[in-house]
Amino acid sequence: MSTSIRVSDDTKAMLERLKGDDETFDELLERLVQREKPINVGAWSKKRADHAREAVDRSRESFER
C-alpha cells in the first residue's frame, strides 16, 4: 500500500538535493528518520541529575568571581 504526502515545492527541492541518484524518496525518508535519535525525557536518575545541577552551579559561581 502507498500513501501520498503533500510537501511544498521548496521542501521537495531540498529533499531532491539530499536524495541519492539510485535512491527512491521512500528510501531517502527512511534513511533520514533512522538517523534521528529518540529523546528520552527524564532519562537521568535523580542522583545523576543532582550531580549535573551541582556542576552547573559550580561553573556559574566560577564566572561570577
N, C-alpha and C. Protein backbone atom coordinates (compact mmCIF):
# COMPACT_ATOMS: atom_id res chain seq x y z
N MET A 1 0.84 -1.16 0.00
CA MET A 1 0.00 0.00 0.00
C MET A 1 0.89 1.24 0.00
N SER A 2 0.49 2.27 -0.70
CA SER A 2 1.27 3.51 -0.72
C SER A 2 0.41 4.66 -0.23
N THR A 3 1.08 5.69 0.24
CA THR A 3 0.43 6.87 0.77
C THR A 3 1.08 8.09 0.12
N SER A 4 0.28 9.07 -0.21
CA SER A 4 0.81 10.32 -0.75
C SER A 4 1.03 11.30 0.39
N ILE A 5 2.11 12.04 0.29
CA ILE A 5 2.42 13.08 1.27
C ILE A 5 2.61 14.38 0.51
N ARG A 6 1.86 15.40 0.89
CA ARG A 6 1.99 16.70 0.23
C ARG A 6 3.11 17.49 0.89
N VAL A 7 3.99 18.03 0.06
CA VAL A 7 5.05 18.91 0.54
C VAL A 7 5.12 20.10 -0.40
N SER A 8 5.67 21.19 0.09
CA SER A 8 5.82 22.38 -0.75
C SER A 8 6.89 22.13 -1.81
N ASP A 9 6.90 22.97 -2.83
CA ASP A 9 7.93 22.85 -3.87
C ASP A 9 9.33 23.04 -3.28
N ASP A 10 9.44 23.97 -2.33
CA ASP A 10 10.74 24.19 -1.69
C ASP A 10 11.21 22.95 -0.93
N THR A 11 10.29 22.33 -0.20
CA THR A 11 10.64 21.12 0.56
C THR A 11 11.04 20.00 -0.39
N LYS A 12 10.31 19.85 -1.48
CA LYS A 12 10.64 18.81 -2.45
C LYS A 12 12.02 19.05 -3.04
N ALA A 13 12.35 20.30 -3.34
CA ALA A 13 13.67 20.63 -3.88
C ALA A 13 14.77 20.27 -2.88
N MET A 14 14.53 20.57 -1.59
CA MET A 14 15.52 20.22 -0.56
C MET A 14 15.69 18.70 -0.47
N LEU A 15 14.59 17.98 -0.53
CA LEU A 15 14.66 16.51 -0.47
C LEU A 15 15.38 15.95 -1.68
N GLU A 16 15.13 16.53 -2.84
CA GLU A 16 15.81 16.07 -4.06
C GLU A 16 17.32 16.25 -3.96
N ARG A 17 17.76 17.32 -3.30
CA ARG A 17 19.21 17.54 -3.13
C ARG A 17 19.82 16.51 -2.19
N LEU A 18 19.03 16.02 -1.23
CA LEU A 18 19.53 15.03 -0.28
C LEU A 18 19.48 13.60 -0.83
N LYS A 19 18.60 13.40 -1.79
CA LYS A 19 18.33 12.05 -2.31
C LYS A 19 19.48 11.59 -3.20
N GLY A 20 19.90 10.36 -3.00
CA GLY A 20 20.92 9.77 -3.86
C GLY A 20 20.35 9.46 -5.24
N ASP A 21 21.22 9.37 -6.23
CA ASP A 21 20.79 9.11 -7.61
C ASP A 21 20.01 7.81 -7.74
N ASP A 22 20.42 6.79 -7.01
CA ASP A 22 19.78 5.49 -7.10
C ASP A 22 18.80 5.24 -5.95
N GLU A 23 18.40 6.30 -5.27
CA GLU A 23 17.56 6.19 -4.08
C GLU A 23 16.15 6.70 -4.39
N THR A 24 15.14 5.99 -3.89
CA THR A 24 13.77 6.47 -4.03
C THR A 24 13.48 7.46 -2.90
N PHE A 25 12.39 8.23 -3.05
CA PHE A 25 12.01 9.14 -1.97
C PHE A 25 11.69 8.35 -0.71
N ASP A 26 11.10 7.19 -0.85
CA ASP A 26 10.79 6.35 0.31
C ASP A 26 12.07 5.95 1.04
N GLU A 27 13.08 5.56 0.28
CA GLU A 27 14.36 5.18 0.89
C GLU A 27 15.03 6.38 1.55
N LEU A 28 14.94 7.54 0.91
CA LEU A 28 15.51 8.76 1.49
C LEU A 28 14.86 9.08 2.82
N LEU A 29 13.53 9.08 2.85
CA LEU A 29 12.83 9.41 4.09
C LEU A 29 13.12 8.40 5.19
N GLU A 30 13.18 7.15 4.82
CA GLU A 30 13.52 6.12 5.81
C GLU A 30 14.92 6.36 6.38
N ARG A 31 15.87 6.68 5.50
CA ARG A 31 17.24 6.95 5.94
C ARG A 31 17.28 8.15 6.89
N LEU A 32 16.55 9.19 6.55
CA LEU A 32 16.56 10.39 7.37
C LEU A 32 15.95 10.16 8.75
N VAL A 33 14.85 9.44 8.82
CA VAL A 33 14.22 9.22 10.12
C VAL A 33 15.01 8.23 10.97
N GLN A 34 15.74 7.33 10.36
CA GLN A 34 16.54 6.39 11.14
C GLN A 34 17.74 7.07 11.79
N ARG A 35 18.17 8.18 11.24
CA ARG A 35 19.29 8.93 11.81
C ARG A 35 18.91 9.64 13.10
N GLU A 36 17.64 9.96 13.23
CA GLU A 36 17.18 10.70 14.40
C GLU A 36 17.27 9.83 15.65
N LYS A 37 17.78 10.42 16.70
CA LYS A 37 17.88 9.73 17.98
C LYS A 37 16.65 10.08 18.81
N PRO A 38 16.04 9.10 19.45
CA PRO A 38 14.89 9.42 20.30
C PRO A 38 15.33 10.24 21.51
N ILE A 39 14.46 11.11 21.94
CA ILE A 39 14.73 11.92 23.13
C ILE A 39 14.11 11.20 24.32
N ASN A 40 14.94 10.86 25.27
CA ASN A 40 14.46 10.17 26.47
C ASN A 40 14.29 11.19 27.58
N VAL A 41 13.12 11.75 27.65
CA VAL A 41 12.83 12.74 28.68
C VAL A 41 12.86 12.05 30.04
N GLY A 42 13.57 12.66 30.96
CA GLY A 42 13.65 12.08 32.30
C GLY A 42 14.52 10.85 32.37
N ALA A 43 15.49 10.74 31.48
CA ALA A 43 16.31 9.54 31.42
C ALA A 43 17.35 9.47 32.54
N TRP A 44 17.70 10.62 33.14
CA TRP A 44 18.69 10.63 34.21
C TRP A 44 18.08 10.22 35.53
N SER A 45 18.86 9.53 36.31
CA SER A 45 18.42 9.23 37.66
C SER A 45 18.48 10.51 38.48
N LYS A 46 17.83 10.53 39.63
CA LYS A 46 17.86 11.72 40.49
C LYS A 46 19.29 12.05 40.90
N LYS A 47 20.07 11.03 41.22
CA LYS A 47 21.46 11.23 41.63
C LYS A 47 22.27 11.88 40.52
N ARG A 48 22.12 11.38 39.31
CA ARG A 48 22.87 11.93 38.18
C ARG A 48 22.42 13.36 37.86
N ALA A 49 21.12 13.62 37.92
CA ALA A 49 20.59 14.96 37.67
C ALA A 49 21.10 15.94 38.73
N ASP A 50 21.12 15.52 40.00
CA ASP A 50 21.63 16.36 41.07
C ASP A 50 23.10 16.68 40.85
N HIS A 51 23.87 15.67 40.45
CA HIS A 51 25.30 15.86 40.19
C HIS A 51 25.50 16.88 39.05
N ALA A 52 24.73 16.76 37.99
CA ALA A 52 24.83 17.68 36.87
C ALA A 52 24.44 19.09 37.29
N ARG A 53 23.38 19.21 38.07
CA ARG A 53 22.93 20.51 38.56
C ARG A 53 24.01 21.17 39.41
N GLU A 54 24.66 20.40 40.26
CA GLU A 54 25.74 20.93 41.09
C GLU A 54 26.91 21.39 40.24
N ALA A 55 27.23 20.65 39.19
CA ALA A 55 28.33 21.04 38.30
C ALA A 55 28.00 22.36 37.59
N VAL A 56 26.77 22.53 37.18
CA VAL A 56 26.35 23.79 36.54
C VAL A 56 26.46 24.93 37.54
N ASP A 57 26.01 24.70 38.76
CA ASP A 57 26.09 25.73 39.79
C ASP A 57 27.54 26.14 40.06
N ARG A 58 28.44 25.15 40.16
CA ARG A 58 29.86 25.45 40.38
C ARG A 58 30.43 26.25 39.21
N SER A 59 30.05 25.89 38.01
CA SER A 59 30.51 26.60 36.83
C SER A 59 30.04 28.05 36.84
N ARG A 60 28.79 28.26 37.18
CA ARG A 60 28.25 29.63 37.24
C ARG A 60 28.98 30.45 38.31
N GLU A 61 29.27 29.82 39.44
CA GLU A 61 29.97 30.53 40.52
C GLU A 61 31.36 30.96 40.07
N SER A 62 32.02 30.14 39.28
CA SER A 62 33.38 30.48 38.84
C SER A 62 33.36 31.68 37.89
N PHE A 63 32.29 31.89 37.17
CA PHE A 63 32.17 33.04 36.27
C PHE A 63 31.82 34.32 37.03
N GLU A 64 31.22 34.19 38.21
CA GLU A 64 30.82 35.35 38.98
C GLU A 64 31.99 36.01 39.70
N ARG A 65 33.07 35.30 39.81
CA ARG A 65 34.24 35.84 40.56
C ARG A 65 35.00 36.83 39.76
